């Protein structure tokens, strides 16, 4: 396989994702060997197609429509890329889940994830990406959306699930995704299941 064909396959996979996607060589090892992928990513960085964010981790940068320049990295995408690269299981902390779903409008200084890997902290500009070591139990959820919703609801608590919160959650995904979340979260606390059922029913109507 020639240099150009490796680069083409790597670029094609990158372009298949939305801007903001974070990646490492591990995401391309089905295309070519370790050394060839490292060189391909280095060439794409030199061209400005991707940006090196951390050692061995890059992103396909989001662009500011107003300023016409790259925006800061998406920390949730970086967390996922690091987890894939290192073989960790992760889940957002309750407060991070609130932020990812737009329920909390504060821009956090830290994005915190629970991980079955080692505890680590990465400085990303003026923010921090933090992994806290936990013995993660199997949640039983197949979808990352399910994990996110349940964590966010647990952070708020039953008494703080308002109509505004439900509206914010409802806007996040399509009716089809909400139906999948509903089927996926049968093992969640009963009050969480009730909220999800109401949102899914509202979206379907």
N, C-alpha and C. Protein backbone atom coordinates (compact mmCIF):
# COMPACT_ATOMS: atom_id res chain seq x y z
N UNK A 1 0.86 -1.20 0.00
CA UNK A 1 0.00 0.00 0.00
C UNK A 1 0.89 1.24 0.00
N UNK A 2 0.69 2.14 -0.94
CA UNK A 2 1.53 3.31 -1.06
C UNK A 2 1.21 4.37 -0.03
N UNK A 3 2.14 5.35 0.09
CA UNK A 3 1.97 6.43 1.05
C UNK A 3 0.67 7.18 0.79
N UNK A 4 0.41 7.50 -0.48
CA UNK A 4 -0.76 8.29 -0.81
C UNK A 4 -2.06 7.57 -0.45
N UNK A 5 -2.11 6.27 -0.72
CA UNK A 5 -3.35 5.53 -0.44
C UNK A 5 -3.61 5.42 1.06
N UNK A 6 -2.56 5.32 1.87
CA UNK A 6 -2.73 5.31 3.32
C UNK A 6 -3.29 6.65 3.77
N UNK A 7 -2.68 7.74 3.29
CA UNK A 7 -3.16 9.08 3.66
C UNK A 7 -4.62 9.27 3.24
N UNK A 8 -4.96 8.81 2.05
CA UNK A 8 -6.33 8.96 1.55
C UNK A 8 -7.33 8.24 2.45
N UNK A 9 -6.97 7.03 2.87
CA UNK A 9 -7.87 6.25 3.73
C UNK A 9 -8.01 6.91 5.10
N UNK A 10 -6.91 7.43 5.63
CA UNK A 10 -6.95 8.11 6.93
C UNK A 10 -7.80 9.37 6.83
N UNK A 11 -7.57 10.17 5.78
CA UNK A 11 -8.34 11.41 5.60
C UNK A 11 -9.82 11.10 5.43
N UNK A 12 -10.12 10.07 4.67
CA UNK A 12 -11.52 9.70 4.44
C UNK A 12 -12.22 9.37 5.76
N UNK A 13 -11.52 8.67 6.64
CA UNK A 13 -12.11 8.32 7.94
C UNK A 13 -12.30 9.57 8.79
N UNK A 14 -11.32 10.47 8.76
CA UNK A 14 -11.42 11.72 9.53
C UNK A 14 -12.60 12.54 9.04
N UNK A 15 -12.71 12.69 7.71
CA UNK A 15 -13.80 13.48 7.13
C UNK A 15 -15.16 12.83 7.37
N UNK A 16 -15.17 11.56 7.70
CA UNK A 16 -16.42 10.87 8.00
C UNK A 16 -16.98 11.24 9.37
N UNK A 17 -16.19 11.97 10.14
CA UNK A 17 -16.63 12.44 11.45
C UNK A 17 -16.86 13.94 11.41
N UNK A 18 -17.64 14.44 12.36
CA UNK A 18 -17.84 15.88 12.45
C UNK A 18 -16.58 16.55 12.99
N UNK A 19 -16.46 17.84 12.68
CA UNK A 19 -15.35 18.59 13.26
C UNK A 19 -15.43 18.55 14.79
N UNK A 20 -14.29 18.47 15.41
CA UNK A 20 -14.23 18.32 16.86
C UNK A 20 -13.82 16.92 17.26
N UNK A 21 -13.93 15.97 16.30
CA UNK A 21 -13.56 14.58 16.60
C UNK A 21 -12.10 14.50 17.01
N UNK A 22 -11.81 13.77 18.09
CA UNK A 22 -10.44 13.55 18.54
C UNK A 22 -10.03 12.13 18.18
N UNK A 23 -8.75 11.94 17.92
CA UNK A 23 -8.29 10.67 17.36
C UNK A 23 -6.86 10.37 17.78
N UNK A 24 -6.51 9.10 17.65
CA UNK A 24 -5.13 8.66 17.85
C UNK A 24 -4.83 7.61 16.79
N UNK A 25 -3.61 7.15 16.76
CA UNK A 25 -3.22 6.13 15.78
C UNK A 25 -4.06 4.87 15.91
N UNK A 26 -4.53 4.60 17.13
CA UNK A 26 -5.31 3.38 17.36
C UNK A 26 -6.59 3.33 16.56
N UNK A 27 -7.08 4.51 16.15
CA UNK A 27 -8.32 4.56 15.38
C UNK A 27 -8.12 4.20 13.92
N UNK A 28 -6.86 3.90 13.52
CA UNK A 28 -6.57 3.65 12.10
C UNK A 28 -5.72 2.39 11.88
N UNK A 29 -5.49 1.62 12.92
CA UNK A 29 -4.57 0.49 12.79
C UNK A 29 -5.12 -0.65 11.93
N UNK A 30 -6.40 -0.56 11.56
CA UNK A 30 -6.93 -1.53 10.60
C UNK A 30 -6.57 -1.15 9.16
N UNK A 31 -6.05 0.07 8.98
CA UNK A 31 -5.68 0.56 7.64
C UNK A 31 -4.24 0.19 7.31
N UNK A 32 -3.35 0.38 8.28
CA UNK A 32 -1.93 0.09 8.06
C UNK A 32 -1.26 -0.11 9.42
N UNK A 33 0.04 -0.42 9.39
CA UNK A 33 0.78 -0.67 10.62
C UNK A 33 1.03 0.60 11.42
N UNK A 34 1.50 0.40 12.64
CA UNK A 34 1.72 1.49 13.59
C UNK A 34 2.59 2.60 13.02
N UNK A 35 3.75 2.26 12.48
CA UNK A 35 4.69 3.27 11.98
C UNK A 35 4.09 4.06 10.82
N UNK A 36 3.41 3.36 9.91
CA UNK A 36 2.82 4.03 8.74
C UNK A 36 1.72 5.00 9.15
N UNK A 37 0.92 4.62 10.13
CA UNK A 37 -0.16 5.51 10.60
C UNK A 37 0.41 6.72 11.31
N UNK A 38 1.45 6.50 12.12
CA UNK A 38 2.10 7.64 12.80
C UNK A 38 2.59 8.66 11.77
N UNK A 39 3.22 8.18 10.71
CA UNK A 39 3.74 9.08 9.68
C UNK A 39 2.61 9.79 8.95
N UNK A 40 1.53 9.06 8.67
CA UNK A 40 0.38 9.67 8.00
C UNK A 40 -0.22 10.79 8.85
N UNK A 41 -0.37 10.54 10.13
CA UNK A 41 -0.92 11.57 11.02
C UNK A 41 0.01 12.76 11.12
N UNK A 42 1.31 12.51 11.14
CA UNK A 42 2.29 13.59 11.18
C UNK A 42 2.19 14.46 9.93
N UNK A 43 2.02 13.82 8.77
CA UNK A 43 1.88 14.58 7.51
C UNK A 43 0.60 15.41 7.52
N UNK A 44 -0.49 14.84 8.03
CA UNK A 44 -1.75 15.56 8.07
C UNK A 44 -1.71 16.72 9.07
N UNK A 45 -0.95 16.54 10.15
CA UNK A 45 -0.76 17.65 11.09
C UNK A 45 0.01 18.78 10.42
N UNK A 46 1.07 18.42 9.67
CA UNK A 46 1.89 19.42 8.99
C UNK A 46 1.05 20.21 7.97
N UNK A 47 0.08 19.56 7.37
CA UNK A 47 -0.79 20.22 6.39
C UNK A 47 -1.87 21.07 7.06
N UNK A 48 -2.08 20.87 8.34
CA UNK A 48 -3.12 21.61 9.05
C UNK A 48 -4.48 20.94 9.02
N UNK A 49 -4.54 19.71 8.50
CA UNK A 49 -5.82 18.98 8.46
C UNK A 49 -6.26 18.61 9.87
N UNK A 50 -5.30 18.15 10.67
CA UNK A 50 -5.56 17.82 12.07
C UNK A 50 -4.61 18.61 12.95
N UNK A 51 -4.90 18.63 14.23
CA UNK A 51 -4.10 19.41 15.18
C UNK A 51 -3.68 18.50 16.33
N UNK A 52 -2.42 18.57 16.71
CA UNK A 52 -1.93 17.79 17.86
C UNK A 52 -2.36 18.48 19.13
N UNK A 53 -3.08 17.76 19.99
CA UNK A 53 -3.59 18.33 21.24
C UNK A 53 -2.79 17.83 22.43
N UNK A 54 -2.54 16.53 22.45
CA UNK A 54 -1.73 15.89 23.47
C UNK A 54 -0.79 14.91 22.78
N UNK A 55 0.15 14.39 23.50
CA UNK A 55 1.06 13.42 22.90
C UNK A 55 0.26 12.23 22.36
N UNK A 56 0.34 12.03 21.06
CA UNK A 56 -0.33 10.91 20.43
C UNK A 56 -1.82 11.10 20.19
N UNK A 57 -2.35 12.28 20.54
CA UNK A 57 -3.79 12.54 20.35
C UNK A 57 -3.97 13.84 19.56
N UNK A 58 -4.81 13.76 18.55
CA UNK A 58 -5.07 14.90 17.67
C UNK A 58 -6.56 15.18 17.64
N UNK A 59 -6.92 16.32 17.02
CA UNK A 59 -8.34 16.53 16.72
C UNK A 59 -8.50 17.11 15.32
N UNK A 60 -9.72 16.95 14.81
CA UNK A 60 -10.13 17.55 13.54
C UNK A 60 -10.85 18.82 13.96
N UNK A 61 -10.12 19.94 14.04
CA UNK A 61 -10.60 21.09 14.80
C UNK A 61 -11.90 21.70 14.31
N UNK A 62 -12.71 22.10 15.27
CA UNK A 62 -13.90 22.88 14.98
C UNK A 62 -13.47 24.28 14.57
N UNK A 63 -14.25 24.90 13.69
CA UNK A 63 -13.92 26.24 13.22
C UNK A 63 -14.97 27.23 13.70
N UNK A 64 -14.52 28.39 14.15
CA UNK A 64 -15.42 29.46 14.57
C UNK A 64 -16.00 30.12 13.33
N UNK A 65 -17.32 30.11 13.21
CA UNK A 65 -17.97 30.75 12.06
C UNK A 65 -17.73 32.26 12.07
N UNK A 66 -17.62 32.83 13.26
CA UNK A 66 -17.44 34.27 13.39
C UNK A 66 -16.00 34.69 13.12
N UNK A 67 -15.06 33.98 13.76
CA UNK A 67 -13.65 34.38 13.67
C UNK A 67 -12.90 33.69 12.53
N UNK A 68 -13.52 32.66 11.95
CA UNK A 68 -12.88 31.92 10.85
C UNK A 68 -11.53 31.33 11.26
N UNK A 69 -11.48 30.82 12.49
CA UNK A 69 -10.25 30.20 12.99
C UNK A 69 -10.61 29.03 13.89
N UNK A 70 -9.63 28.14 14.15
CA UNK A 70 -9.94 26.95 14.96
C UNK A 70 -10.38 27.31 16.37
N UNK A 71 -11.37 26.56 16.86
CA UNK A 71 -11.82 26.69 18.24
C UNK A 71 -11.02 25.75 19.12
N UNK A 72 -11.19 25.89 20.43
CA UNK A 72 -10.51 25.00 21.36
C UNK A 72 -11.01 23.57 21.22
N UNK A 73 -10.22 22.61 21.66
CA UNK A 73 -10.62 21.20 21.55
C UNK A 73 -11.89 20.88 22.34
N UNK A 74 -12.63 19.90 21.87
CA UNK A 74 -13.80 19.37 22.56
C UNK A 74 -13.30 18.37 23.60
N UNK A 75 -13.44 18.69 24.88
CA UNK A 75 -12.87 17.84 25.92
C UNK A 75 -13.57 16.48 26.02
N UNK A 76 -14.84 16.42 25.67
CA UNK A 76 -15.53 15.13 25.69
C UNK A 76 -14.97 14.21 24.61
N UNK A 77 -14.69 14.77 23.44
CA UNK A 77 -14.07 13.99 22.37
C UNK A 77 -12.66 13.55 22.76
N UNK A 78 -11.92 14.43 23.42
CA UNK A 78 -10.57 14.07 23.87
C UNK A 78 -10.63 12.93 24.89
N UNK A 79 -11.59 13.01 25.80
CA UNK A 79 -11.75 11.95 26.81
C UNK A 79 -12.02 10.61 26.13
N UNK A 80 -12.89 10.62 25.13
CA UNK A 80 -13.21 9.38 24.42
C UNK A 80 -12.01 8.84 23.66
N UNK A 81 -11.24 9.74 23.02
CA UNK A 81 -10.06 9.31 22.27
C UNK A 81 -9.01 8.71 23.19
N UNK A 82 -8.79 9.32 24.34
CA UNK A 82 -7.82 8.79 25.31
C UNK A 82 -8.27 7.44 25.84
N UNK A 83 -9.58 7.30 26.07
CA UNK A 83 -10.11 6.02 26.56
C UNK A 83 -9.92 4.92 25.52
N UNK A 84 -10.21 5.24 24.26
CA UNK A 84 -10.02 4.23 23.19
C UNK A 84 -8.55 3.87 23.06
N UNK A 85 -7.69 4.88 23.12
CA UNK A 85 -6.25 4.68 22.96
C UNK A 85 -5.68 3.79 24.06
N UNK A 86 -6.18 3.96 25.27
CA UNK A 86 -5.60 3.27 26.42
C UNK A 86 -6.41 2.06 26.88
N UNK A 87 -7.56 1.84 26.25
CA UNK A 87 -8.39 0.70 26.65
C UNK A 87 -9.10 0.89 27.97
N UNK A 88 -9.42 2.14 28.32
CA UNK A 88 -10.15 2.41 29.55
C UNK A 88 -11.65 2.42 29.27
N UNK A 89 -12.42 2.12 30.30
CA UNK A 89 -13.85 2.43 30.29
C UNK A 89 -14.03 3.72 31.08
N UNK A 90 -14.80 4.63 30.55
CA UNK A 90 -15.02 5.90 31.25
C UNK A 90 -16.50 6.24 31.27
N UNK A 91 -16.86 7.11 32.18
CA UNK A 91 -18.20 7.70 32.16
C UNK A 91 -18.08 9.10 32.74
N UNK A 92 -18.85 10.05 32.20
CA UNK A 92 -18.76 11.42 32.71
C UNK A 92 -19.22 11.49 34.16
N UNK A 93 -18.60 12.35 34.94
CA UNK A 93 -19.10 12.59 36.29
C UNK A 93 -20.49 13.23 36.17
N UNK A 94 -21.22 13.26 37.26
CA UNK A 94 -22.59 13.78 37.22
C UNK A 94 -22.60 15.24 36.75
N UNK A 95 -21.71 16.08 37.28
CA UNK A 95 -21.68 17.49 36.89
C UNK A 95 -21.23 17.68 35.45
N UNK A 96 -20.30 16.86 34.99
CA UNK A 96 -19.87 16.93 33.59
C UNK A 96 -21.02 16.54 32.66
N UNK A 97 -21.82 15.55 33.06
CA UNK A 97 -22.98 15.15 32.27
C UNK A 97 -23.97 16.31 32.14
N UNK A 98 -24.18 17.05 33.21
CA UNK A 98 -25.07 18.21 33.16
C UNK A 98 -24.58 19.22 32.13
N UNK A 99 -23.29 19.44 32.11
CA UNK A 99 -22.71 20.40 31.17
C UNK A 99 -22.81 19.91 29.73
N UNK A 100 -22.52 18.64 29.51
CA UNK A 100 -22.56 18.08 28.16
C UNK A 100 -23.97 18.14 27.57
N UNK A 101 -24.98 18.04 28.43
CA UNK A 101 -26.36 18.07 27.96
C UNK A 101 -26.93 19.48 27.89
N UNK A 102 -26.12 20.48 28.29
CA UNK A 102 -26.58 21.85 28.21
C UNK A 102 -27.52 22.26 29.33
N UNK A 103 -27.64 21.41 30.37
CA UNK A 103 -28.51 21.75 31.50
C UNK A 103 -27.81 22.76 32.41
N UNK A 104 -26.51 22.59 32.57
CA UNK A 104 -25.69 23.58 33.26
C UNK A 104 -25.03 24.44 32.21
N UNK A 105 -25.21 25.75 32.31
CA UNK A 105 -24.67 26.66 31.29
C UNK A 105 -23.29 27.21 31.66
N UNK A 106 -22.82 26.89 32.85
CA UNK A 106 -21.49 27.34 33.25
C UNK A 106 -20.43 26.58 32.47
N UNK A 107 -19.40 27.29 32.00
CA UNK A 107 -18.27 26.62 31.34
C UNK A 107 -17.34 26.14 32.45
N UNK A 108 -17.22 24.82 32.63
CA UNK A 108 -16.44 24.32 33.76
C UNK A 108 -14.94 24.47 33.54
N UNK A 109 -14.24 24.69 34.62
CA UNK A 109 -12.77 24.72 34.56
C UNK A 109 -12.26 23.30 34.36
N UNK A 110 -12.99 22.33 34.91
CA UNK A 110 -12.60 20.92 34.80
C UNK A 110 -13.72 20.12 34.14
N UNK A 111 -13.34 19.20 33.28
CA UNK A 111 -14.25 18.17 32.81
C UNK A 111 -13.77 16.87 33.44
N UNK A 112 -14.63 16.26 34.25
CA UNK A 112 -14.22 15.12 35.07
C UNK A 112 -14.90 13.85 34.59
N UNK A 113 -14.10 12.80 34.43
CA UNK A 113 -14.61 11.49 34.01
C UNK A 113 -14.16 10.44 35.01
N UNK A 114 -15.04 9.51 35.32
CA UNK A 114 -14.68 8.36 36.14
C UNK A 114 -14.11 7.31 35.19
N UNK A 115 -13.07 6.63 35.63
CA UNK A 115 -12.35 5.72 34.73
C UNK A 115 -11.85 4.50 35.49
N UNK A 116 -11.82 3.35 34.79
CA UNK A 116 -11.20 2.18 35.40
C UNK A 116 -9.70 2.13 35.11
N UNK A 117 -9.20 3.18 34.44
CA UNK A 117 -7.76 3.34 34.23
C UNK A 117 -7.16 4.15 35.37
N UNK A 118 -5.91 4.57 35.23
CA UNK A 118 -5.25 5.34 36.29
C UNK A 118 -5.82 6.75 36.39
N UNK A 119 -5.72 7.34 37.57
CA UNK A 119 -6.10 8.73 37.74
C UNK A 119 -5.11 9.62 37.00
N UNK A 120 -5.62 10.51 36.18
CA UNK A 120 -4.74 11.39 35.39
C UNK A 120 -5.40 12.74 35.21
N UNK A 121 -4.57 13.76 34.96
CA UNK A 121 -5.08 15.10 34.69
C UNK A 121 -4.28 15.69 33.54
N UNK A 122 -4.99 16.32 32.58
CA UNK A 122 -4.35 16.93 31.42
C UNK A 122 -4.75 18.40 31.35
N UNK A 123 -3.77 19.27 31.16
CA UNK A 123 -4.05 20.70 30.96
C UNK A 123 -4.31 20.94 29.48
N UNK A 124 -5.50 21.46 29.17
CA UNK A 124 -5.89 21.77 27.80
C UNK A 124 -6.21 23.25 27.77
N UNK A 125 -5.24 24.06 27.37
CA UNK A 125 -5.42 25.51 27.44
C UNK A 125 -5.59 25.92 28.89
N UNK A 126 -6.69 26.65 29.17
CA UNK A 126 -6.95 27.07 30.55
C UNK A 126 -7.96 26.17 31.25
N UNK A 127 -8.17 24.96 30.69
CA UNK A 127 -9.09 24.00 31.28
C UNK A 127 -8.34 22.71 31.62
N UNK A 128 -9.00 21.86 32.36
CA UNK A 128 -8.39 20.58 32.75
C UNK A 128 -9.33 19.43 32.40
N UNK A 129 -8.73 18.38 31.88
CA UNK A 129 -9.44 17.13 31.63
C UNK A 129 -8.95 16.15 32.69
N UNK A 130 -9.86 15.71 33.54
CA UNK A 130 -9.48 14.93 34.73
C UNK A 130 -10.14 13.55 34.67
N UNK A 131 -9.32 12.52 34.90
CA UNK A 131 -9.83 11.15 35.02
C UNK A 131 -9.64 10.72 36.47
N UNK A 132 -10.72 10.32 37.11
CA UNK A 132 -10.66 9.84 38.48
C UNK A 132 -10.86 8.33 38.48
N UNK A 133 -9.90 7.64 39.08
CA UNK A 133 -9.95 6.17 39.09
C UNK A 133 -11.11 5.68 39.94
N UNK A 134 -11.92 4.85 39.35
CA UNK A 134 -13.04 4.22 40.04
C UNK A 134 -13.16 2.78 39.57
N UNK A 135 -13.71 1.94 40.41
CA UNK A 135 -14.03 0.58 39.99
C UNK A 135 -15.43 0.65 39.39
N UNK A 136 -15.50 0.84 38.07
CA UNK A 136 -16.78 1.05 37.41
C UNK A 136 -17.57 -0.25 37.34
N UNK A 137 -18.76 -0.22 37.86
CA UNK A 137 -19.64 -1.37 37.75
C UNK A 137 -20.32 -1.33 36.38
N UNK A 138 -20.65 -2.48 35.87
CA UNK A 138 -21.39 -2.52 34.62
C UNK A 138 -22.75 -1.85 34.83
N UNK A 139 -23.02 -0.80 34.08
CA UNK A 139 -24.27 -0.08 34.25
C UNK A 139 -25.43 -0.84 33.60
N UNK A 140 -25.10 -1.69 32.64
CA UNK A 140 -26.15 -2.37 31.90
C UNK A 140 -26.65 -1.57 30.71
N UNK A 141 -26.13 -0.35 30.54
CA UNK A 141 -26.55 0.49 29.42
C UNK A 141 -25.65 0.24 28.22
N UNK A 142 -26.26 0.10 27.07
CA UNK A 142 -25.49 -0.12 25.85
C UNK A 142 -25.13 1.20 25.16
N UNK A 143 -25.94 2.23 25.39
CA UNK A 143 -25.77 3.50 24.68
C UNK A 143 -25.07 4.55 25.55
N UNK A 144 -24.10 5.29 24.98
CA UNK A 144 -23.49 6.38 25.75
C UNK A 144 -24.52 7.46 26.11
N UNK A 145 -25.54 7.63 25.26
CA UNK A 145 -26.59 8.61 25.55
C UNK A 145 -27.33 8.24 26.83
N UNK A 146 -27.54 6.95 27.03
CA UNK A 146 -28.24 6.49 28.25
C UNK A 146 -27.43 6.83 29.49
N UNK A 147 -26.13 6.55 29.43
CA UNK A 147 -25.25 6.84 30.56
C UNK A 147 -25.27 8.33 30.89
N UNK A 148 -25.25 9.14 29.85
CA UNK A 148 -25.23 10.60 30.01
C UNK A 148 -26.51 11.09 30.68
N UNK A 149 -27.63 10.64 30.19
CA UNK A 149 -28.93 11.06 30.74
C UNK A 149 -29.07 10.64 32.20
N UNK A 150 -28.74 9.40 32.51
CA UNK A 150 -28.91 8.90 33.86
C UNK A 150 -27.98 9.64 34.83
N UNK A 151 -26.74 9.87 34.42
CA UNK A 151 -25.79 10.61 35.27
C UNK A 151 -26.29 12.03 35.55
N UNK A 152 -26.82 12.67 34.51
CA UNK A 152 -27.32 14.04 34.67
C UNK A 152 -28.51 14.08 35.62
N UNK A 153 -29.42 13.14 35.47
CA UNK A 153 -30.59 13.12 36.35
C UNK A 153 -30.20 12.83 37.80
N UNK A 154 -29.24 11.95 37.98
CA UNK A 154 -28.76 11.65 39.33
C UNK A 154 -28.12 12.89 39.96
N UNK A 155 -27.43 13.69 39.13
CA UNK A 155 -26.80 14.92 39.64
C UNK A 155 -27.85 15.91 40.12
N UNK A 156 -28.95 16.01 39.38
CA UNK A 156 -30.00 16.95 39.75
C UNK A 156 -30.83 16.45 40.92
N UNK A 157 -31.17 15.17 40.89
CA UNK A 157 -32.08 14.61 41.88
C UNK A 157 -33.52 14.79 41.42
N UNK A 158 -34.39 13.92 41.91
CA UNK A 158 -35.78 13.87 41.47
C UNK A 158 -36.50 15.21 41.61
N UNK A 159 -36.24 15.92 42.70
CA UNK A 159 -36.99 17.15 42.98
C UNK A 159 -36.61 18.30 42.05
N UNK A 160 -35.48 18.20 41.37
CA UNK A 160 -35.02 19.30 40.52
C UNK A 160 -35.23 19.02 39.02
N UNK A 161 -35.96 17.97 38.70
CA UNK A 161 -36.27 17.68 37.30
C UNK A 161 -37.47 18.53 36.90
N UNK A 162 -37.20 19.72 36.36
CA UNK A 162 -38.25 20.66 36.00
C UNK A 162 -38.67 20.49 34.54
N UNK A 163 -39.70 21.23 34.16
CA UNK A 163 -40.15 21.22 32.76
C UNK A 163 -39.04 21.74 31.84
N UNK A 164 -38.29 22.73 32.33
CA UNK A 164 -37.19 23.28 31.52
C UNK A 164 -36.11 22.24 31.28
N UNK A 165 -35.79 21.47 32.33
CA UNK A 165 -34.78 20.42 32.20
C UNK A 165 -35.26 19.37 31.20
N UNK A 166 -36.51 18.97 31.31
CA UNK A 166 -37.06 17.96 30.39
C UNK A 166 -37.04 18.47 28.95
N UNK A 167 -37.32 19.77 28.77
CA UNK A 167 -37.29 20.34 27.44
C UNK A 167 -35.88 20.33 26.87
N UNK A 168 -34.91 20.69 27.72
CA UNK A 168 -33.50 20.67 27.29
C UNK A 168 -33.10 19.26 26.87
N UNK A 169 -33.47 18.29 27.66
CA UNK A 169 -33.14 16.90 27.35
C UNK A 169 -33.83 16.46 26.06
N UNK A 170 -35.09 16.80 25.92
CA UNK A 170 -35.86 16.39 24.74
C UNK A 170 -35.25 16.92 23.45
N UNK A 171 -34.70 18.13 23.52
CA UNK A 171 -34.12 18.76 22.32
C UNK A 171 -32.81 18.12 21.89
N UNK A 172 -32.23 17.36 22.78
CA UNK A 172 -30.88 16.83 22.52
C UNK A 172 -30.86 15.77 21.42
N UNK A 173 -31.92 14.91 21.38
CA UNK A 173 -31.91 13.79 20.43
C UNK A 173 -33.25 13.64 19.73
N UNK A 174 -33.25 12.88 18.66
CA UNK A 174 -34.45 12.62 17.87
C UNK A 174 -35.39 11.66 18.59
N UNK A 175 -36.66 11.59 18.16
CA UNK A 175 -37.58 10.62 18.77
C UNK A 175 -37.05 9.19 18.71
N UNK A 176 -36.39 8.82 17.60
CA UNK A 176 -35.86 7.46 17.46
C UNK A 176 -34.80 7.16 18.52
N UNK A 177 -33.92 8.13 18.77
CA UNK A 177 -32.88 7.95 19.80
C UNK A 177 -33.52 7.84 21.18
N UNK A 178 -34.55 8.66 21.44
CA UNK A 178 -35.20 8.59 22.75
C UNK A 178 -35.88 7.24 22.97
N UNK A 179 -36.42 6.66 21.91
CA UNK A 179 -37.01 5.33 22.04
C UNK A 179 -35.94 4.29 22.39
N UNK A 180 -34.76 4.44 21.80
CA UNK A 180 -33.65 3.53 22.12
C UNK A 180 -33.20 3.72 23.57
N UNK A 181 -33.12 4.99 24.01
CA UNK A 181 -32.73 5.27 25.40
C UNK A 181 -33.76 4.66 26.35
N UNK A 182 -35.04 4.81 26.01
CA UNK A 182 -36.10 4.25 26.85
C UNK A 182 -35.95 2.74 27.01
N UNK A 183 -35.66 2.05 25.92
CA UNK A 183 -35.49 0.59 25.98
C UNK A 183 -34.22 0.20 26.73
N UNK A 184 -33.22 1.10 26.68
CA UNK A 184 -31.90 0.79 27.23
C UNK A 184 -31.79 1.03 28.74
N UNK A 185 -32.73 1.82 29.30
CA UNK A 185 -32.56 2.26 30.69
C UNK A 185 -33.56 1.62 31.65
N UNK A 186 -33.99 0.43 31.34
CA UNK A 186 -34.98 -0.24 32.20
C UNK A 186 -34.44 -0.56 33.60
N UNK A 187 -33.10 -0.62 33.73
CA UNK A 187 -32.51 -0.93 35.04
C UNK A 187 -32.19 0.33 35.85
N UNK A 188 -32.48 1.51 35.30
CA UNK A 188 -32.25 2.76 36.03
C UNK A 188 -33.28 2.89 37.15
N UNK A 189 -33.03 3.78 38.13
CA UNK A 189 -34.02 4.00 39.19
C UNK A 189 -35.40 4.31 38.60
N UNK A 190 -36.45 3.91 39.30
CA UNK A 190 -37.81 4.02 38.77
C UNK A 190 -38.17 5.45 38.38
N UNK A 191 -37.77 6.43 39.20
CA UNK A 191 -38.13 7.82 38.90
C UNK A 191 -37.42 8.31 37.65
N UNK A 192 -36.19 7.83 37.41
CA UNK A 192 -35.45 8.19 36.19
C UNK A 192 -36.16 7.58 34.98
N UNK A 193 -36.57 6.34 35.09
CA UNK A 193 -37.32 5.68 34.00
C UNK A 193 -38.60 6.43 33.67
N UNK A 194 -39.28 6.93 34.71
CA UNK A 194 -40.52 7.67 34.49
C UNK A 194 -40.26 8.94 33.68
N UNK A 195 -39.20 9.67 34.02
CA UNK A 195 -38.87 10.91 33.30
C UNK A 195 -38.52 10.59 31.84
N UNK A 196 -37.71 9.57 31.64
CA UNK A 196 -37.31 9.19 30.28
C UNK A 196 -38.54 8.75 29.47
N UNK A 197 -39.44 8.00 30.11
CA UNK A 197 -40.65 7.53 29.43
C UNK A 197 -41.51 8.73 28.99
N UNK A 198 -41.63 9.72 29.86
CA UNK A 198 -42.43 10.91 29.54
C UNK A 198 -41.80 11.70 28.38
N UNK A 199 -40.47 11.83 28.41
CA UNK A 199 -39.79 12.55 27.33
C UNK A 199 -39.96 11.81 26.01
N UNK A 200 -39.75 10.50 26.03
CA UNK A 200 -39.87 9.70 24.81
C UNK A 200 -41.30 9.77 24.26
N UNK A 201 -42.29 9.74 25.17
CA UNK A 201 -43.69 9.80 24.73
C UNK A 201 -43.98 11.16 24.10
N UNK A 202 -43.47 12.23 24.74
CA UNK A 202 -43.67 13.59 24.22
C UNK A 202 -43.02 13.75 22.85
N UNK A 203 -41.82 13.21 22.69
CA UNK A 203 -41.11 13.33 21.41
C UNK A 203 -41.83 12.55 20.30
N UNK A 204 -42.47 11.45 20.68
CA UNK A 204 -43.13 10.60 19.68
C UNK A 204 -44.47 11.17 19.23
N UNK A 205 -45.03 12.10 20.02
CA UNK A 205 -46.37 12.61 19.70
C UNK A 205 -46.32 13.72 18.66
